[in-house]
PDB file of all heavy atoms in Angstrom:
ATOM      1  N   ALA A   1     -60.089  78.786 -11.964  1.00  0.00           N
ATOM      2  CA  ALA A   1     -58.630  78.723 -12.157  1.00  0.00           C
ATOM      3  C   ALA A   1     -58.248  77.517 -13.011  1.00  0.00           C
ATOM      4  O   ALA A   1     -57.379  77.627 -13.889  1.00  0.00           O
ATOM      5  CB  ALA A   1     -57.929  78.660 -10.802  1.00  0.00           C
ATOM      6  N   GLU A   2     -58.885  76.377 -12.788  1.00  0.00           N
ATOM      7  CA  GLU A   2     -58.604  75.184 -13.587  1.00  0.00           C
ATOM      8  C   GLU A   2     -59.019  75.395 -15.040  1.00  0.00           C
ATOM      9  O   GLU A   2     -58.329  74.955 -15.955  1.00  0.00           O
ATOM     10  CB  GLU A   2     -59.317  73.965 -12.994  1.00  0.00           C
ATOM     11  CG  GLU A   2     -58.759  73.515 -11.654  1.00  0.00           C
ATOM     12  CD  GLU A   2     -57.320  73.052 -11.743  1.00  0.00           C
ATOM     13  OE1 GLU A   2     -56.979  72.292 -12.663  1.00  0.00           O
ATOM     14  OE2 GLU A   2     -56.525  73.457 -10.871  1.00  0.00           O
ATOM     15  N   ALA A   3     -60.134  76.066 -15.258  1.00  0.00           N
ATOM     16  CA  ALA A   3     -60.583  76.350 -16.630  1.00  0.00           C
ATOM     17  C   ALA A   3     -59.591  77.283 -17.324  1.00  0.00           C
ATOM     18  O   ALA A   3     -59.296  77.117 -18.509  1.00  0.00           O
ATOM     19  CB  ALA A   3     -61.980  76.962 -16.614  1.00  0.00           C
ATOM     20  N   ALA A   4     -59.050  78.249 -16.587  1.00  0.00           N
ATOM     21  CA  ALA A   4     -58.073  79.174 -17.162  1.00  0.00           C
ATOM     22  C   ALA A   4     -56.789  78.444 -17.554  1.00  0.00           C
ATOM     23  O   ALA A   4     -56.117  78.835 -18.509  1.00  0.00           O
ATOM     24  CB  ALA A   4     -57.766  80.291 -16.169  1.00  0.00           C
ATOM     25  N   ARG A   5     -56.467  77.378 -16.856  1.00  0.00           N
ATOM     26  CA  ARG A   5     -55.271  76.588 -17.171  1.00  0.00           C
ATOM     27  C   ARG A   5     -55.548  75.549 -18.255  1.00  0.00           C
ATOM     28  O   ARG A   5     -54.649  74.812 -18.648  1.00  0.00           O
ATOM     29  CB  ARG A   5     -54.778  75.878 -15.914  1.00  0.00           C
ATOM     30  CG  ARG A   5     -54.212  76.789 -14.865  1.00  0.00           C
ATOM     31  CD  ARG A   5     -53.644  75.963 -13.721  1.00  0.00           C
ATOM     32  NE  ARG A   5     -53.378  76.811 -12.590  1.00  0.00           N
ATOM     33  CZ  ARG A   5     -54.080  76.840 -11.461  1.00  0.00           C
ATOM     34  NH1 ARG A   5     -55.092  76.019 -11.284  1.00  0.00           N
ATOM     35  NH2 ARG A   5     -53.762  77.658 -10.482  1.00  0.00           N
ATOM     36  N   GLY A   6     -56.799  75.467 -18.673  1.00  0.00           N
ATOM     37  CA  GLY A   6     -57.151  74.508 -19.713  1.00  0.00           C
ATOM     38  C   GLY A   6     -57.411  73.105 -19.204  1.00  0.00           C
ATOM     39  O   GLY A   6     -57.526  72.175 -19.985  1.00  0.00           O
ATOM     40  N   ARG A   7     -57.501  72.951 -17.911  1.00  0.00           N
ATOM     41  CA  ARG A   7     -57.720  71.620 -17.353  1.00  0.00           C
ATOM     42  C   ARG A   7     -59.203  71.254 -17.301  1.00  0.00           C
ATOM     43  O   ARG A   7     -59.540  70.091 -17.190  1.00  0.00           O
ATOM     44  CB  ARG A   7     -57.127  71.540 -15.957  1.00  0.00           C
ATOM     45  CG  ARG A   7     -55.614  71.665 -15.966  1.00  0.00           C
ATOM     46  CD  ARG A   7     -55.050  71.529 -14.584  1.00  0.00           C
ATOM     47  NE  ARG A   7     -53.622  71.788 -14.602  1.00  0.00           N
ATOM     48  CZ  ARG A   7     -52.914  72.055 -13.532  1.00  0.00           C
ATOM     49  NH1 ARG A   7     -53.491  72.092 -12.354  1.00  0.00           N
ATOM     50  NH2 ARG A   7     -51.616  72.279 -13.622  1.00  0.00           N
ATOM     51  N   LEU A   8     -60.051  72.247 -17.316  1.00  0.00           N
ATOM     52  CA  LEU A   8     -61.494  72.015 -17.369  1.00  0.00           C
ATOM     53  C   LEU A   8     -62.034  72.748 -18.580  1.00  0.00           C
ATOM     54  O   LEU A   8     -61.508  73.785 -18.978  1.00  0.00           O
ATOM     55  CB  LEU A   8     -62.191  72.561 -16.115  1.00  0.00           C
ATOM     56  CG  LEU A   8     -62.000  71.805 -14.813  1.00  0.00           C
ATOM     57  CD1 LEU A   8     -62.680  72.547 -13.671  1.00  0.00           C
ATOM     58  CD2 LEU A   8     -62.545  70.398 -14.900  1.00  0.00           C
ATOM     59  N   GLU A   9     -63.078  72.214 -19.153  1.00  0.00           N
ATOM     60  CA  GLU A   9     -63.635  72.859 -20.336  1.00  0.00           C
ATOM     61  C   GLU A   9     -64.315  74.179 -20.011  1.00  0.00           C
ATOM     62  O   GLU A   9     -64.197  75.137 -20.736  1.00  0.00           O
ATOM     63  CB  GLU A   9     -64.627  71.921 -21.028  1.00  0.00           C
ATOM     64  CG  GLU A   9     -63.945  70.757 -21.709  1.00  0.00           C
ATOM     65  CD  GLU A   9     -64.951  69.916 -22.447  1.00  0.00           C
ATOM     66  OE1 GLU A   9     -66.028  70.411 -22.787  1.00  0.00           O
ATOM     67  OE2 GLU A   9     -64.642  68.740 -22.680  1.00  0.00           O
ATOM     68  N   ASP A  10     -65.059  74.206 -18.927  1.00  0.00           N
ATOM     69  CA  ASP A  10     -65.809  75.411 -18.613  1.00  0.00           C
ATOM     70  C   ASP A  10     -65.989  75.517 -17.102  1.00  0.00           C
ATOM     71  O   ASP A  10     -66.201  74.510 -16.432  1.00  0.00           O
ATOM     72  CB  ASP A  10     -67.175  75.374 -19.304  1.00  0.00           C
ATOM     73  CG  ASP A  10     -67.874  76.719 -19.293  1.00  0.00           C
ATOM     74  OD1 ASP A  10     -67.200  77.731 -19.054  1.00  0.00           O
ATOM     75  OD2 ASP A  10     -69.089  76.740 -19.522  1.00  0.00           O
ATOM     76  N   ALA A  11     -65.911  76.725 -16.610  1.00  0.00           N
ATOM     77  CA  ALA A  11     -66.157  76.951 -15.188  1.00  0.00           C
ATOM     78  C   ALA A  11     -67.657  77.100 -14.956  1.00  0.00           C
ATOM     79  O   ALA A  11     -68.381  77.615 -15.802  1.00  0.00           O
ATOM     80  CB  ALA A  11     -65.425  78.215 -14.733  1.00  0.00           C
ATOM     81  N   VAL A  12     -68.106  76.615 -13.839  1.00  0.00           N
ATOM     82  CA  VAL A  12     -69.521  76.753 -13.495  1.00  0.00           C
ATOM     83  C   VAL A  12     -69.823  78.197 -13.117  1.00  0.00           C
ATOM     84  O   VAL A  12     -68.918  79.002 -12.884  1.00  0.00           O
ATOM     85  CB  VAL A  12     -69.901  75.808 -12.330  1.00  0.00           C
ATOM     86  CG1 VAL A  12     -69.742  74.367 -12.730  1.00  0.00           C
ATOM     87  CG2 VAL A  12     -69.085  76.119 -11.100  1.00  0.00           C
ATOM     88  N   GLU A  13     -71.092  78.517 -13.055  1.00  0.00           N
ATOM     89  CA  GLU A  13     -71.496  79.868 -12.670  1.00  0.00           C
ATOM     90  C   GLU A  13     -71.110  80.134 -11.218  1.00  0.00           C
ATOM     91  O   GLU A  13     -71.148  79.230 -10.383  1.00  0.00           O
ATOM     92  CB  GLU A  13     -73.006  80.026 -12.836  1.00  0.00           C
ATOM     93  CG  GLU A  13     -73.465  80.023 -14.268  1.00  0.00           C
ATOM     94  CD  GLU A  13     -72.960  81.230 -15.037  1.00  0.00           C
ATOM     95  OE1 GLU A  13     -73.005  82.346 -14.490  1.00  0.00           O
ATOM     96  OE2 GLU A  13     -72.491  81.053 -16.178  1.00  0.00           O
ATOM     97  N   PRO A  14     -70.771  81.379 -10.902  1.00  0.00           N
ATOM     98  CA  PRO A  14     -70.436  81.692  -9.510  1.00  0.00           C
ATOM     99  C   PRO A  14     -71.686  81.576  -8.632  1.00  0.00           C
ATOM    100  O   PRO A  14     -72.802  81.728  -9.122  1.00  0.00           O
ATOM    101  CB  PRO A  14     -69.950  83.147  -9.577  1.00  0.00           C
ATOM    102  CG  PRO A  14     -70.553  83.698 -10.807  1.00  0.00           C
ATOM    103  CD  PRO A  14     -70.687  82.548 -11.761  1.00  0.00           C
ATOM    104  N   PRO A  15     -71.477  81.303  -7.353  1.00  0.00           N
ATOM    105  CA  PRO A  15     -72.634  81.224  -6.465  1.00  0.00           C
ATOM    106  C   PRO A  15     -73.282  82.604  -6.328  1.00  0.00           C
ATOM    107  O   PRO A  15     -72.614  83.628  -6.449  1.00  0.00           O
ATOM    108  CB  PRO A  15     -72.043  80.754  -5.134  1.00  0.00           C
ATOM    109  CG  PRO A  15     -70.612  81.142  -5.194  1.00  0.00           C
ATOM    110  CD  PRO A  15     -70.227  81.094  -6.647  1.00  0.00           C
ATOM    111  N   GLY A  16     -74.557  82.608  -6.081  1.00  0.00           N
ATOM    112  CA  GLY A  16     -75.262  83.868  -5.877  1.00  0.00           C
ATOM    113  C   GLY A  16     -74.863  84.482  -4.551  1.00  0.00           C
ATOM    114  O   GLY A  16     -74.130  83.884  -3.755  1.00  0.00           O
ATOM    115  N   PRO A  17     -75.346  85.673  -4.301  1.00  0.00           N
ATOM    116  CA  PRO A  17     -75.016  86.326  -3.031  1.00  0.00           C
ATOM    117  C   PRO A  17     -75.634  85.569  -1.850  1.00  0.00           C
ATOM    118  O   PRO A  17     -76.663  84.900  -1.998  1.00  0.00           O
ATOM    119  CB  PRO A  17     -75.626  87.719  -3.175  1.00  0.00           C
ATOM    120  CG  PRO A  17     -76.687  87.581  -4.205  1.00  0.00           C
ATOM    121  CD  PRO A  17     -76.241  86.485  -5.126  1.00  0.00           C
ATOM    122  N   LEU A  18     -74.992  85.658  -0.732  1.00  0.00           N
ATOM    123  CA  LEU A  18     -75.505  85.043   0.487  1.00  0.00           C
ATOM    124  C   LEU A  18     -76.689  85.871   0.970  1.00  0.00           C
ATOM    125  O   LEU A  18     -76.569  87.076   1.191  1.00  0.00           O
ATOM    126  CB  LEU A  18     -74.418  84.998   1.556  1.00  0.00           C
ATOM    127  CG  LEU A  18     -74.821  84.457   2.918  1.00  0.00           C
ATOM    128  CD1 LEU A  18     -75.220  82.983   2.797  1.00  0.00           C
ATOM    129  CD2 LEU A  18     -73.678  84.606   3.895  1.00  0.00           C
ATOM    130  N   VAL A  19     -77.824  85.235   1.114  1.00  0.00           N
ATOM    131  CA  VAL A  19     -79.031  85.927   1.572  1.00  0.00           C
ATOM    132  C   VAL A  19     -79.372  85.414   2.960  1.00  0.00           C
ATOM    133  O   VAL A  19     -79.579  84.211   3.151  1.00  0.00           O
ATOM    134  CB  VAL A  19     -80.209  85.675   0.607  1.00  0.00           C
ATOM    135  CG1 VAL A  19     -81.470  86.353   1.107  1.00  0.00           C
ATOM    136  CG2 VAL A  19     -79.855  86.153  -0.795  1.00  0.00           C
ATOM    137  N   LEU A  20     -79.391  86.333   3.919  1.00  0.00           N
ATOM    138  CA  LEU A  20     -79.712  85.976   5.299  1.00  0.00           C
ATOM    139  C   LEU A  20     -81.073  86.538   5.668  1.00  0.00           C
ATOM    140  O   LEU A  20     -81.428  87.643   5.261  1.00  0.00           O
ATOM    141  CB  LEU A  20     -78.656  86.540   6.255  1.00  0.00           C
ATOM    142  CG  LEU A  20     -77.225  86.070   6.066  1.00  0.00           C
ATOM    143  CD1 LEU A  20     -76.297  86.798   7.024  1.00  0.00           C
ATOM    144  CD2 LEU A  20     -77.113  84.570   6.267  1.00  0.00           C
ATOM    145  N   THR A  21     -81.799  85.786   6.469  1.00  0.00           N
ATOM    146  CA  THR A  21     -83.069  86.282   6.978  1.00  0.00           C
ATOM    147  C   THR A  21     -82.788  87.349   8.035  1.00  0.00           C
ATOM    148  O   THR A  21     -81.648  87.484   8.515  1.00  0.00           O
ATOM    149  CB  THR A  21     -83.892  85.150   7.621  1.00  0.00           C
ATOM    150  OG1 THR A  21     -83.191  84.685   8.785  1.00  0.00           O
ATOM    151  CG2 THR A  21     -84.116  84.002   6.655  1.00  0.00           C
ATOM    152  N   LEU A  22     -83.818  88.067   8.435  1.00  0.00           N
ATOM    153  CA  LEU A  22     -83.661  89.083   9.472  1.00  0.00           C
ATOM    154  C   LEU A  22     -83.194  88.441  10.773  1.00  0.00           C
ATOM    155  O   LEU A  22     -82.322  88.981  11.468  1.00  0.00           O
ATOM    156  CB  LEU A  22     -84.977  89.844   9.680  1.00  0.00           C
ATOM    157  CG  LEU A  22     -84.947  90.997  10.666  1.00  0.00           C
ATOM    158  CD1 LEU A  22     -83.906  92.044  10.273  1.00  0.00           C
ATOM    159  CD2 LEU A  22     -86.326  91.626  10.785  1.00  0.00           C
ATOM    160  N   VAL A  23     -83.732  87.282  11.085  1.00  0.00           N
ATOM    161  CA  VAL A  23     -83.326  86.570  12.299  1.00  0.00           C
ATOM    162  C   VAL A  23     -81.845  86.196  12.219  1.00  0.00           C
ATOM    163  O   VAL A  23     -81.101  86.358  13.199  1.00  0.00           O
ATOM    164  CB  VAL A  23     -84.205  85.312  12.509  1.00  0.00           C
ATOM    165  CG1 VAL A  23     -83.667  84.434  13.623  1.00  0.00           C
ATOM    166  CG2 VAL A  23     -85.647  85.717  12.775  1.00  0.00           C
ATOM    167  N   GLU A  24     -81.398  85.723  11.068  1.00  0.00           N
ATOM    168  CA  GLU A  24     -79.989  85.367  10.893  1.00  0.00           C
ATOM    169  C   GLU A  24     -79.096  86.603  10.971  1.00  0.00           C
ATOM    170  O   GLU A  24     -78.003  86.551  11.553  1.00  0.00           O
ATOM    171  CB  GLU A  24     -79.792  84.653   9.562  1.00  0.00           C
ATOM    172  CG  GLU A  24     -80.407  83.271   9.520  1.00  0.00           C
ATOM    173  CD  GLU A  24     -80.440  82.663   8.135  1.00  0.00           C
ATOM    174  OE1 GLU A  24     -80.486  83.417   7.136  1.00  0.00           O
ATOM    175  OE2 GLU A  24     -80.434  81.423   8.042  1.00  0.00           O
ATOM    176  N   GLN A  25     -79.540  87.709  10.402  1.00  0.00           N
ATOM    177  CA  GLN A  25     -78.757  88.941  10.480  1.00  0.00           C
ATOM    178  C   GLN A  25     -78.622  89.402  11.930  1.00  0.00           C
ATOM    179  O   GLN A  25     -77.550  89.833  12.349  1.00  0.00           O
ATOM    180  CB  GLN A  25     -79.393  90.042   9.639  1.00  0.00           C
ATOM    181  CG  GLN A  25     -79.249  89.826   8.160  1.00  0.00           C
ATOM    182  CD  GLN A  25     -79.951  90.893   7.352  1.00  0.00           C
ATOM    183  OE1 GLN A  25     -80.963  91.452   7.767  1.00  0.00           O
ATOM    184  NE2 GLN A  25     -79.415  91.181   6.183  1.00  0.00           N
ATOM    185  N   ARG A  26     -79.691  89.295  12.677  1.00  0.00           N
ATOM    186  CA  ARG A  26     -79.637  89.684  14.094  1.00  0.00           C
ATOM    187  C   ARG A  26     -78.724  88.751  14.885  1.00  0.00           C
ATOM    188  O   ARG A  26     -78.032  89.177  15.801  1.00  0.00           O
ATOM    189  CB  ARG A  26     -81.040  89.732  14.678  1.00  0.00           C
ATOM    190  CG  ARG A  26     -81.814  90.921  14.159  1.00  0.00           C
ATOM    191  CD  ARG A  26     -83.160  91.057  14.796  1.00  0.00           C
ATOM    192  NE  ARG A  26     -83.789  92.299  14.329  1.00  0.00           N
ATOM    193  CZ  ARG A  26     -85.085  92.468  14.237  1.00  0.00           C
ATOM    194  NH1 ARG A  26     -85.917  91.508  14.591  1.00  0.00           N
ATOM    195  NH2 ARG A  26     -85.579  93.617  13.809  1.00  0.00           N
TER     196      ARG A  26
END
């Protein structure tokens, strides 16, 4: 949003998907 307003030169890459282990999913 700041980059779209011209306040930042470039936006960083979006975070990757959240990856959960099988134990975490359970």
